[in-house]
Amino acid sequence: MRDPDDNQDKQALLQDHKATNDSDDNRSTDDYNTERNTRSSATNTSNRNEEHDHDGATATTEYYDSFDVDDSETALLHGNRPRDLNEAENAETTYRLPSEGGSVFASFLNMSNSIIGAGIIGLPFSFKEAGFGMGLILLIILTILVDWTVRLLIYNGKLSGRPNYQDLLEYAFGWPGLLAISLAQFVFAFGAMCAYCVIIGDTIPHVFRSLVPNIDTLPFVWIFANRRLCITFFTVLVSYPLSLYRDMSKLAKTSGLALITIFVIIVSVSLEAPKMPAELRGDPSLRFSFANDEIIQAVAVISFAFVCHHNSFMIFGSLRQPSMNRFAKVAHYSMALSFVTCTVLALSGYLSFTDKTAGNILNNFPADNTLINVARLAFGMNMFTTLPLEAFVCREVLEILFWSSSPHSTVRHVVITTSLVGVSLLISLLTCNLGIVLELTGGFSATMLAYILPPLCYLKLAKESIWQLNKIPHWATLIFGLVIMIFSTSFSIQKVVLGTSDPGPTCDL
């Protein structure tokens, strides 16, 4: 017969052992959770995600490190076998994110809309500057280059774990980097504001004159036929109040209308340009000239139209289960569509008007052309809501740069917005030349956003030596961007100072 004391001792030992195991289990669970929360990447799940997109979840850019799918530079540059950016330590650890986000097709539409914007209206003018042959070559090269740098930019974001362009530059270069990207984004958005005001003056007065032949004799209504008064009226009473909104999400919904407007312009120009009388068309002997003497300025104008880098992180974050493979599809499809539409518009306009091609191709058509006036009206009205979006970007750049640690101030908000809209309005009243606005903005800021900062960030973040042979594309793009920025900006400023640029026909209104 067993001693009761022995049984009690055994039970005590079992309880102690169980308590020890429970403690170890709890500690293991805590360690596992800590490791799971701090790990920078997870298992490579690209194949499963690509096959089951409908089951996937959306990852915002905050979760870059959780998606190590096809992130190698080798895959980015050469399309070789993908490998993980960071190897996962535990193959069983994965992350599931909220089931939101869009498909590749939805992101393709967003990026296409970002590219095919108001800048496309100046592409025939870029062919006048570069010549038919060089214009076509530049369009092909810059399309490929922008496709590559926009993917390189997202790759840089994954290398650094940063969710946007500003944070990426600040991470890589500190305050100077933040200052550089802020300057580039501000100039790009502010230049677009000036361009949109000029476009209002280029379009709306023509429409009113066509609808009301005796408009100059009518009280009050006559102001809509005057370029400067028309710009002032619609900017102050329509665009400025919309610019005062703090939330631009409602205005962003007009992007679908903007894309439709651009296609209306392309169809209108393609159909009407060949019908123009000889006195309105340019020298036919110049149609197929290979190269002209303003190639660098042409690069600036094309770059203004194609740059979408400031929206690339947002588009990447909107993808369901984002990966470099999926974003590459978005970029490739968007660039292909943009290239086709831009080429159609550029050739339709340039081949008809050659040396008379205006910075705004719609200005080459008479005021009584019905189909072109439909395009003018749609384009001008689209500028009313597009200008506030650019004002929002400018304001946010200034807020982040100078008042990031300060609470919101209504007075500061109103003063900044009023200053931005007022100065852009003043500039549009002083110039009628959309081409020079596109040259200055594209030559300085678009080249920084597309050709200088993405390769510069990669050269800074890459672990390997910057002098390796596989860095040649990055160095070449960087040098190309610097050359274009310096010379294009200098030539454009020289045009303004010397007054050698064509003011455009709408200055007579």
Protein backbone atom coordinates (compact mmCIF):
# COMPACT_ATOMS: atom_id res chain seq x y z
CA MET A 1 0.00 0.00 0.00
CA ARG A 2 1.36 3.40 -1.05
CA ASP A 3 2.12 6.07 1.43
CA PRO A 4 -0.36 9.01 1.12
CA ASP A 5 2.54 11.39 1.58
CA ASP A 6 4.18 9.98 -1.56
CA ASN A 7 1.02 10.65 -3.58
CA GLN A 8 0.88 14.19 -2.29
CA ASP A 9 4.53 14.73 -3.22
CA LYS A 10 3.95 13.41 -6.74
CA GLN A 11 0.88 15.63 -7.19
CA ALA A 12 2.89 18.62 -6.04
CA LEU A 13 5.66 17.80 -8.51
CA LEU A 14 3.12 17.43 -11.34
CA GLN A 15 1.55 20.80 -10.50
CA ASP A 16 4.96 22.44 -10.42
CA HIS A 17 5.86 20.89 -13.77
CA LYS A 18 2.54 22.00 -15.28
CA ALA A 19 3.02 25.52 -14.01
CA THR A 20 6.51 25.58 -15.47
CA ASN A 21 5.24 24.41 -18.86
CA ASP A 22 2.43 26.97 -18.83
CA SER A 23 4.94 29.68 -18.05
CA ASP A 24 7.20 28.52 -20.86
CA ASP A 25 4.25 28.39 -23.24
CA ASN A 26 3.22 31.91 -22.31
CA ARG A 27 6.77 33.14 -22.71
CA SER A 28 7.08 31.40 -26.07
CA THR A 29 3.83 32.95 -27.21
CA ASP A 30 4.97 36.39 -26.11
CA ASP A 31 8.31 35.93 -27.84
CA TYR A 32 6.57 34.72 -30.96
CA ASN A 33 4.19 37.68 -31.00
CA THR A 34 7.04 40.12 -30.43
CA GLU A 35 9.04 38.54 -33.22
CA ARG A 36 5.98 38.52 -35.45
CA ASN A 37 5.30 42.21 -34.90
CA THR A 38 8.88 43.33 -35.43
CA ARG A 39 9.85 41.16 -38.33
CA SER A 40 10.55 43.22 -41.46
CA SER A 41 9.26 40.72 -44.02
CA ALA A 42 7.15 37.62 -44.35
CA THR A 43 7.13 34.50 -46.44
CA ASN A 44 7.18 34.81 -50.19
CA THR A 45 3.51 34.35 -51.10
CA SER A 46 3.48 35.90 -54.55
CA ASN A 47 2.41 32.81 -56.46
CA ARG A 48 -0.52 32.13 -54.14
CA ASN A 49 -1.58 35.77 -54.22
CA GLU A 50 -1.39 36.04 -58.01
CA GLU A 51 -3.60 32.95 -58.39
CA HIS A 52 -6.18 34.05 -55.79
CA ASP A 53 -6.47 37.81 -56.14
CA HIS A 54 -10.14 37.66 -55.19
CA ASP A 55 -9.16 36.28 -51.77
CA GLY A 56 -6.37 38.79 -51.29
CA ALA A 57 -6.33 41.75 -48.98
CA THR A 58 -5.20 45.27 -49.54
CA ALA A 59 -1.88 46.43 -48.18
CA THR A 60 -1.33 50.10 -47.66
CA THR A 61 2.18 51.36 -48.08
CA GLU A 62 2.58 51.14 -44.31
CA TYR A 63 3.02 47.40 -44.75
CA TYR A 64 5.74 47.37 -47.44
CA ASP A 65 7.98 45.10 -45.44
CA SER A 66 5.26 42.48 -45.23
CA PHE A 67 5.34 41.98 -48.99
CA ASP A 68 8.64 40.61 -50.18
CA VAL A 69 7.31 39.59 -53.59
CA ASP A 70 9.58 39.93 -56.61
CA ASP A 71 11.50 42.80 -55.06
CA SER A 72 15.01 42.16 -56.29
CA GLU A 73 16.80 44.64 -58.48
CA THR A 74 17.55 41.78 -60.85
CA ALA A 75 13.85 41.16 -61.41
CA LEU A 76 13.18 44.88 -61.71
CA LEU A 77 15.88 45.54 -64.29
CA HIS A 78 16.16 42.31 -66.22
CA GLY A 79 13.04 40.25 -65.48
CA ASN A 80 15.05 37.30 -64.13
CA ARG A 81 13.87 34.87 -61.46
CA PRO A 82 12.34 36.78 -58.52
CA ARG A 83 13.93 36.56 -55.13
CA ASP A 84 12.94 37.97 -51.73
CA LEU A 85 14.03 41.44 -50.70
CA ASN A 86 14.29 40.17 -47.15
CA GLU A 87 14.24 36.48 -46.38
CA ALA A 88 11.59 35.55 -43.84
CA GLU A 89 12.85 33.95 -40.66
CA ASN A 90 9.74 31.93 -40.06
CA ALA A 91 8.01 30.33 -43.03
CA GLU A 92 4.73 30.08 -41.09
CA THR A 93 4.47 33.80 -40.38
CA THR A 94 2.24 35.74 -42.79
CA TYR A 95 0.25 38.93 -42.59
CA ARG A 96 -3.34 39.43 -43.58
CA LEU A 97 -4.55 42.95 -44.15
CA PRO A 98 -8.05 44.48 -44.43
CA SER A 99 -9.92 43.20 -47.47
CA GLU A 100 -9.95 46.42 -49.47
CA GLY A 101 -8.19 47.74 -52.52
CA GLY A 102 -8.46 47.47 -56.23
CA SER A 103 -7.44 45.24 -59.07
CA VAL A 104 -4.63 45.77 -61.54
CA PHE A 105 -7.20 47.18 -63.97
CA ALA A 106 -8.45 49.78 -61.46
CA SER A 107 -4.90 50.89 -60.71
CA PHE A 108 -4.18 50.98 -64.44
CA LEU A 109 -7.06 53.44 -64.90
CA ASN A 110 -5.80 55.61 -62.03
CA MET A 111 -2.26 55.77 -63.40
CA SER A 112 -3.47 56.38 -66.94
CA ASN A 113 -5.56 59.29 -65.70
CA SER A 114 -2.53 60.64 -63.84
CA ILE A 115 -0.47 60.59 -67.06
CA ILE A 116 -3.06 61.54 -69.68
CA GLY A 117 -3.82 64.95 -68.20
CA ALA A 118 -3.70 68.58 -69.24
CA GLY A 119 -0.05 68.29 -70.29
CA ILE A 120 -1.02 66.18 -73.30
CA ILE A 121 -2.39 69.32 -74.96
CA GLY A 122 1.19 70.54 -75.50
CA LEU A 123 2.60 67.42 -77.14
CA PRO A 124 2.12 68.62 -80.74
CA PHE A 125 4.13 71.69 -79.70
CA SER A 126 6.95 69.41 -78.51
CA PHE A 127 7.12 67.90 -82.02
CA LYS A 128 7.41 71.41 -83.45
CA GLU A 129 10.38 72.00 -81.12
CA ALA A 130 12.11 68.66 -81.72
CA GLY A 131 11.07 67.82 -85.28
CA PHE A 132 9.05 64.84 -86.49
CA GLY A 133 11.81 62.22 -86.24
CA MET A 134 13.32 63.33 -82.93
CA GLY A 135 9.88 63.99 -81.46
CA LEU A 136 8.84 60.41 -82.12
CA ILE A 137 12.16 59.04 -80.82
CA LEU A 138 11.93 61.16 -77.66
CA LEU A 139 8.36 60.00 -77.04
CA ILE A 140 9.44 56.36 -77.25
CA ILE A 141 12.56 56.78 -75.10
CA LEU A 142 10.86 58.87 -72.42
CA THR A 143 7.92 56.46 -72.21
CA ILE A 144 10.33 53.59 -71.51
CA LEU A 145 12.37 55.71 -69.10
CA VAL A 146 9.36 56.88 -67.09
CA ASP A 147 8.09 53.28 -66.94
CA TRP A 148 11.43 52.21 -65.46
CA THR A 149 11.88 55.07 -62.98
CA VAL A 150 8.35 54.84 -61.61
CA ARG A 151 8.98 51.18 -60.76
CA LEU A 152 12.42 52.04 -59.41
CA LEU A 153 10.78 54.58 -57.13
CA ILE A 154 8.49 51.96 -55.60
CA TYR A 155 11.47 49.63 -55.22
CA ASN A 156 13.27 52.39 -53.32
CA GLY A 157 10.25 52.67 -51.06
CA LYS A 158 10.47 48.97 -50.30
CA LEU A 159 14.20 49.17 -49.64
CA SER A 160 13.68 51.97 -47.13
CA GLY A 161 10.32 50.88 -45.76
CA ARG A 162 8.92 54.35 -46.42
CA PRO A 163 5.34 54.86 -47.69
CA ASN A 164 5.68 58.04 -49.76
CA TYR A 165 8.07 60.16 -51.81
CA GLN A 166 8.73 62.72 -49.06
CA ASP A 167 9.55 60.16 -46.39
CA LEU A 168 11.78 58.28 -48.83
CA LEU A 169 13.89 61.36 -49.62
CA GLU A 170 14.05 62.35 -45.96
CA TYR A 171 15.15 58.83 -45.01
CA ALA A 172 17.84 58.76 -47.70
CA PHE A 173 19.21 62.30 -47.45
CA GLY A 174 17.72 63.89 -44.33
CA TRP A 175 16.52 67.50 -44.40
CA PRO A 176 18.18 68.29 -47.77
CA GLY A 177 16.30 65.38 -49.32
CA LEU A 178 12.98 66.54 -47.90
CA LEU A 179 13.70 70.05 -49.15
CA ALA A 180 14.53 68.78 -52.66
CA ILE A 181 11.38 66.70 -53.06
CA SER A 182 9.24 69.46 -51.55
CA LEU A 183 10.66 71.98 -54.01
CA ALA A 184 10.11 69.64 -56.97
CA GLN A 185 6.54 68.80 -55.99
CA PHE A 186 5.66 72.41 -55.21
CA VAL A 187 7.01 73.74 -58.52
CA PHE A 188 5.30 70.95 -60.47
CA ALA A 189 1.91 71.57 -58.83
CA PHE A 190 2.21 75.37 -58.93
CA GLY A 191 3.28 75.28 -62.57
CA ALA A 192 0.21 73.16 -63.28
CA MET A 193 -1.97 75.78 -61.54
CA CYS A 194 -0.56 78.47 -63.82
CA ALA A 195 -1.07 76.26 -66.87
CA TYR A 196 -4.69 75.58 -65.93
CA CYS A 197 -5.43 79.30 -65.59
CA VAL A 198 -3.89 79.87 -69.03
CA ILE A 199 -6.03 77.04 -70.44
CA ILE A 200 -9.20 78.68 -69.07
CA GLY A 201 -8.29 81.79 -71.02
CA ASP A 202 -7.50 79.72 -74.11
CA THR A 203 -10.83 77.88 -74.15
CA ILE A 204 -13.83 79.53 -72.50
CA PRO A 205 -13.78 82.90 -74.39
CA HIS A 206 -13.79 81.05 -77.73
CA VAL A 207 -16.87 79.11 -76.67
CA PHE A 208 -18.78 82.23 -75.60
CA ARG A 209 -17.88 84.06 -78.80
CA SER A 210 -19.16 81.11 -80.82
CA LEU A 211 -22.42 80.86 -78.87
CA VAL A 212 -23.09 84.62 -78.74
CA PRO A 213 -21.85 86.33 -81.95
CA ASN A 214 -22.62 89.87 -80.70
CA ILE A 215 -21.29 89.26 -77.21
CA ASP A 216 -19.12 92.40 -77.22
CA THR A 217 -22.23 94.60 -77.24
CA LEU A 218 -24.08 92.84 -74.43
CA PRO A 219 -23.86 94.19 -70.86
CA PHE A 220 -21.97 92.04 -68.33
CA VAL A 221 -21.84 89.01 -70.66
CA TRP A 222 -19.05 90.65 -72.64
CA ILE A 223 -16.57 89.89 -69.84
CA PHE A 224 -16.68 86.19 -70.82
CA ALA A 225 -15.29 87.05 -74.24
CA ASN A 226 -12.35 88.89 -72.71
CA ARG A 227 -9.47 86.56 -71.89
CA ARG A 228 -8.20 88.24 -68.73
CA LEU A 229 -11.61 88.99 -67.27
CA CYS A 230 -12.79 85.46 -68.03
CA ILE A 231 -9.80 83.91 -66.25
CA THR A 232 -10.29 86.21 -63.27
CA PHE A 233 -14.03 85.55 -63.03
CA PHE A 234 -13.87 81.76 -63.05
CA THR A 235 -10.70 81.48 -60.97
CA VAL A 236 -11.93 83.80 -58.21
CA LEU A 237 -15.56 82.68 -58.10
CA VAL A 238 -15.22 78.95 -58.89
CA SER A 239 -11.70 77.56 -58.42
CA TYR A 240 -10.71 79.67 -55.41
CA PRO A 241 -13.67 78.66 -53.18
CA LEU A 242 -13.08 75.01 -54.07
CA SER A 243 -9.39 75.43 -53.21
CA LEU A 244 -10.31 76.44 -49.66
CA TYR A 245 -11.58 72.94 -48.88
CA ARG A 246 -9.31 70.95 -46.61
CA ASP A 247 -10.55 67.62 -47.98
CA MET A 248 -10.08 67.18 -51.71
CA SER A 249 -11.58 63.68 -51.90
CA LYS A 250 -14.82 64.90 -53.48
CA LEU A 251 -12.97 66.80 -56.19
CA ALA A 252 -10.77 63.77 -56.85
CA LYS A 253 -13.89 61.94 -58.07
CA THR A 254 -13.90 64.17 -61.14
CA SER A 255 -10.87 62.30 -62.52
CA GLY A 256 -13.12 60.10 -64.65
CA LEU A 257 -14.57 63.18 -66.33
CA ALA A 258 -11.05 64.49 -66.92
CA LEU A 259 -10.06 61.31 -68.76
CA ILE A 260 -13.17 61.51 -70.95
CA THR A 261 -12.36 65.15 -71.73
CA ILE A 262 -8.87 64.24 -72.93
CA PHE A 263 -10.23 61.58 -75.28
CA VAL A 264 -12.75 64.11 -76.65
CA ILE A 265 -9.82 66.42 -77.43
CA ILE A 266 -7.86 63.63 -79.14
CA VAL A 267 -10.82 62.67 -81.33
CA SER A 268 -11.64 66.31 -82.13
CA VAL A 269 -8.10 67.22 -83.15
CA SER A 270 -7.63 64.02 -85.15
CA LEU A 271 -10.82 64.61 -87.14
CA GLU A 272 -10.68 68.38 -87.59
CA ALA A 273 -6.97 69.11 -88.12
CA PRO A 274 -6.78 67.62 -91.65
CA LYS A 275 -9.82 69.71 -92.66
CA MET A 276 -8.24 73.07 -91.85
CA PRO A 277 -7.75 75.50 -94.78
CA ALA A 278 -4.24 76.02 -96.13
CA GLU A 279 -3.87 79.51 -94.64
CA LEU A 280 -4.25 78.10 -91.11
CA ARG A 281 -1.89 75.17 -91.65
CA GLY A 282 1.87 75.28 -91.47
CA ASP A 283 4.56 74.66 -94.05
CA PRO A 284 3.92 71.14 -95.44
CA SER A 285 7.61 70.73 -96.32
CA LEU A 286 8.42 70.64 -92.59
CA ARG A 287 6.12 67.75 -91.75
CA PHE A 288 8.77 65.06 -91.76
CA SER A 289 11.82 67.07 -90.73
CA PHE A 290 14.03 64.84 -88.62
CA ALA A 291 15.32 67.29 -86.00
CA ASN A 292 14.86 70.92 -85.00
CA ASP A 293 16.93 73.08 -82.66
CA GLU A 294 14.81 72.90 -79.46
CA ILE A 295 15.13 69.21 -78.59
CA ILE A 296 15.94 69.83 -74.92
CA GLN A 297 12.83 71.98 -74.45
CA ALA A 298 10.80 69.24 -76.14
CA VAL A 299 12.00 66.78 -73.50
CA ALA A 300 10.67 69.14 -70.82
CA VAL A 301 7.22 69.39 -72.43
CA ILE A 302 6.92 65.61 -72.89
CA SER A 303 8.14 65.03 -69.33
CA PHE A 304 5.47 67.36 -67.94
CA ALA A 305 2.84 65.25 -69.69
CA PHE A 306 4.21 61.84 -68.63
CA VAL A 307 5.36 62.36 -65.04
CA CYS A 308 3.15 60.47 -62.57
CA HIS A 309 5.74 59.74 -59.89
CA HIS A 310 4.06 61.95 -57.30
CA ASN A 311 1.05 59.58 -57.41
CA SER A 312 2.93 56.28 -57.74
CA PHE A 313 2.99 55.37 -54.03
CA MET A 314 -0.73 56.00 -53.72
CA ILE A 315 -1.43 53.83 -56.75
CA PHE A 316 0.84 51.06 -55.44
CA GLY A 317 -0.87 51.17 -52.04
CA SER A 318 -4.30 50.89 -53.66
CA LEU A 319 -3.44 47.51 -55.22
CA ARG A 320 -4.90 44.36 -53.72
CA GLN A 321 -1.87 42.39 -52.50
CA PRO A 322 0.72 44.82 -53.94
CA SER A 323 3.88 43.40 -55.42
CA MET A 324 6.46 44.56 -57.93
CA ASN A 325 5.07 42.12 -60.49
CA ARG A 326 1.56 43.53 -60.20
CA PHE A 327 2.72 47.14 -60.13
CA ALA A 328 4.88 46.47 -63.19
CA LYS A 329 1.75 45.37 -65.06
CA VAL A 330 0.02 48.60 -64.03
CA ALA A 331 2.99 50.68 -65.19
CA HIS A 332 3.42 48.82 -68.49
CA TYR A 333 -0.27 48.96 -69.43
CA SER A 334 -0.58 52.62 -68.43
CA MET A 335 2.52 53.67 -70.35
CA ALA A 336 1.39 51.74 -73.42
CA LEU A 337 -2.03 53.42 -73.45
CA SER A 338 -0.48 56.83 -72.77
CA PHE A 339 2.05 56.38 -75.55
CA VAL A 340 -0.64 55.51 -78.09
CA THR A 341 -2.95 58.39 -77.14
CA CYS A 342 -0.12 60.92 -76.91
CA THR A 343 1.31 59.83 -80.26
CA VAL A 344 -2.08 60.12 -81.98
CA LEU A 345 -2.64 63.64 -80.66
CA ALA A 346 0.94 64.79 -81.27
CA LEU A 347 1.04 63.57 -84.86
CA SER A 348 -2.49 64.74 -85.69
CA GLY A 349 -1.69 68.25 -84.52
CA TYR A 350 1.88 68.59 -85.71
CA LEU A 351 1.47 67.12 -89.20
CA SER A 352 -1.31 69.61 -89.91
CA PHE A 353 0.16 72.79 -88.41
CA THR A 354 3.96 72.10 -88.40
CA ASP A 355 5.74 75.42 -87.76
CA LYS A 356 2.48 77.13 -86.71
CA THR A 357 1.73 74.60 -83.95
CA ALA A 358 0.74 76.44 -80.75
CA GLY A 359 1.56 75.49 -77.16
CA ASN A 360 -2.14 74.66 -76.80
CA ILE A 361 -3.11 72.77 -79.95
CA LEU A 362 -6.74 73.93 -79.62
CA ASN A 363 -5.57 77.49 -80.32
CA ASN A 364 -4.74 76.47 -83.89
CA PHE A 365 -8.41 76.03 -84.70
CA PRO A 366 -10.87 78.82 -85.56
CA ALA A 367 -13.32 80.02 -82.92
CA ASP A 368 -16.37 78.79 -84.87
CA ASN A 369 -15.36 75.12 -85.14
CA THR A 370 -18.22 73.31 -83.38
CA LEU A 371 -16.46 70.04 -82.52
CA ILE A 372 -13.35 71.84 -81.27
CA ASN A 373 -15.55 74.16 -79.18
CA VAL A 374 -17.10 71.13 -77.51
CA ALA A 375 -13.58 70.02 -76.60
CA ARG A 376 -12.72 73.56 -75.44
CA LEU A 377 -15.77 73.76 -73.20
CA ALA A 378 -15.16 70.36 -71.61
CA PHE A 379 -11.46 71.06 -71.17
CA GLY A 380 -11.98 74.54 -69.71
CA MET A 381 -14.63 73.38 -67.25
CA ASN A 382 -12.39 70.52 -66.18
CA MET A 383 -9.75 73.08 -65.23
CA PHE A 384 -12.15 74.64 -62.70
CA THR A 385 -11.96 71.54 -60.51
CA THR A 386 -8.44 70.40 -61.41
CA LEU A 387 -6.79 73.65 -60.29
CA PRO A 388 -7.95 73.21 -56.65
CA LEU A 389 -6.36 69.74 -56.58
CA GLU A 390 -2.98 71.25 -57.45
CA ALA A 391 -3.50 74.03 -54.90
CA PHE A 392 -4.09 71.31 -52.31
CA VAL A 393 -0.75 69.69 -53.20
CA CYS A 394 1.12 73.01 -52.94
CA ARG A 395 -0.49 73.78 -49.59
CA GLU A 396 0.28 70.35 -48.16
CA VAL A 397 3.92 70.60 -49.24
CA LEU A 398 4.27 73.92 -47.43
CA GLU A 399 2.47 72.63 -44.34
CA ILE A 400 4.70 69.56 -44.08
CA LEU A 401 7.88 71.52 -44.74
CA PHE A 402 7.32 74.45 -42.38
CA TRP A 403 4.46 73.65 -40.00
CA SER A 404 4.50 69.86 -39.58
CA SER A 405 4.61 70.13 -35.77
CA SER A 406 2.11 72.99 -35.51
CA PRO A 407 -1.66 72.61 -35.05
CA HIS A 408 -3.96 73.47 -37.90
CA SER A 409 -4.57 77.18 -38.33
CA THR A 410 -7.56 78.41 -40.32
CA VAL A 411 -5.90 81.78 -40.84
CA ARG A 412 -2.73 80.15 -42.19
CA HIS A 413 -4.83 77.87 -44.39
CA VAL A 414 -6.69 80.80 -45.96
CA VAL A 415 -3.57 82.95 -46.37
CA ILE A 416 -1.61 80.16 -48.11
CA THR A 417 -4.50 79.23 -50.40
CA THR A 418 -5.22 82.85 -51.31
CA SER A 419 -1.55 83.48 -52.08
CA LEU A 420 -1.24 80.39 -54.26
CA VAL A 421 -4.36 81.07 -56.31
CA GLY A 422 -3.63 84.81 -56.51
CA VAL A 423 -0.06 84.42 -57.78
CA SER A 424 -0.98 81.73 -60.32
CA LEU A 425 -3.82 83.95 -61.55
CA LEU A 426 -1.45 86.90 -61.90
CA ILE A 427 1.05 84.85 -63.92
CA SER A 428 -1.69 83.62 -66.26
CA LEU A 429 -2.77 87.22 -66.86
CA LEU A 430 0.79 88.18 -67.79
CA THR A 431 1.39 85.37 -70.31
CA CYS A 432 -0.72 83.70 -72.97
CA ASN A 433 1.93 81.14 -73.88
CA LEU A 434 1.09 77.73 -72.49
CA GLY A 435 4.20 76.28 -74.11
CA ILE A 436 6.62 78.33 -72.00
CA VAL A 437 4.75 77.35 -68.81
CA LEU A 438 5.04 73.67 -69.74
CA GLU A 439 8.73 74.09 -70.60
CA LEU A 440 9.63 75.76 -67.30
CA THR A 441 7.61 73.39 -65.15
CA GLY A 442 8.64 70.25 -67.00
CA GLY A 443 12.27 71.26 -67.38
CA PHE A 444 12.82 71.92 -63.68
CA SER A 445 10.41 69.86 -61.59
CA ALA A 446 9.33 66.99 -63.86
CA THR A 447 12.95 66.05 -64.57
CA MET A 448 13.69 66.03 -60.84
CA LEU A 449 10.69 63.86 -60.02
CA ALA A 450 11.23 61.38 -62.87
CA TYR A 451 14.91 61.25 -63.85
CA ILE A 452 17.02 62.61 -60.98
CA LEU A 453 15.58 61.63 -57.60
CA PRO A 454 14.60 57.95 -58.23
CA PRO A 455 18.08 56.78 -59.41
CA LEU A 456 19.77 59.04 -56.85
CA CYS A 457 17.80 57.39 -54.04
CA TYR A 458 18.69 53.93 -55.27
CA LEU A 459 22.39 54.74 -55.46
CA LYS A 460 22.16 55.95 -51.87
CA LEU A 461 20.17 53.00 -50.51
CA ALA A 462 21.79 50.09 -52.37
CA LYS A 463 24.25 48.07 -50.31
CA GLU A 464 26.54 47.31 -53.22
CA SER A 465 29.16 49.72 -54.53
CA ILE A 466 27.71 52.54 -56.60
CA TRP A 467 30.46 51.95 -59.18
CA GLN A 468 29.32 48.45 -60.17
CA LEU A 469 28.37 47.87 -63.80
CA ASN A 470 24.72 47.23 -62.95
CA LYS A 471 24.53 50.84 -61.71
CA ILE A 472 25.22 52.24 -65.19
CA PRO A 473 21.48 52.71 -66.00
CA HIS A 474 21.02 54.65 -62.77
CA TRP A 475 24.00 56.91 -63.42
CA ALA A 476 22.98 57.45 -67.04
CA THR A 477 19.43 58.43 -66.06
CA LEU A 478 20.70 60.72 -63.30
CA ILE A 479 23.11 62.52 -65.64
CA PHE A 480 20.43 62.76 -68.34
CA GLY A 481 18.03 64.36 -65.87
CA LEU A 482 20.60 66.87 -64.63
CA VAL A 483 21.52 67.92 -68.18
CA ILE A 484 17.88 68.37 -69.19
CA MET A 485 17.01 70.28 -66.01
CA ILE A 486 19.93 72.72 -66.28
CA PHE A 487 19.77 73.46 -69.99
CA SER A 488 15.99 73.37 -70.45
CA THR A 489 15.38 75.70 -67.52
CA SER A 490 18.11 78.06 -68.73
CA PHE A 491 16.78 78.16 -72.30
CA SER A 492 13.20 78.72 -71.11
CA ILE A 493 14.22 81.58 -68.81
CA GLN A 494 16.19 83.08 -71.69
CA LYS A 495 13.04 82.96 -73.84
CA VAL A 496 11.06 84.82 -71.19
CA VAL A 497 13.74 87.47 -70.60
CA LEU A 498 14.40 88.12 -74.28
CA GLY A 499 10.75 87.84 -75.25
CA THR A 500 11.49 85.40 -78.07
CA SER A 501 8.65 82.99 -77.29
CA ASP A 502 5.43 83.10 -79.31
CA PRO A 503 2.70 84.66 -77.11
CA GLY A 504 -0.07 82.77 -78.85
CA PRO A 505 -3.22 83.92 -80.64
CA THR A 506 -5.43 84.10 -77.53
CA CYS A 507 -3.58 87.17 -76.26
CA ASP A 508 -5.60 89.19 -78.77
CA LEU A 509 -8.88 88.36 -77.02
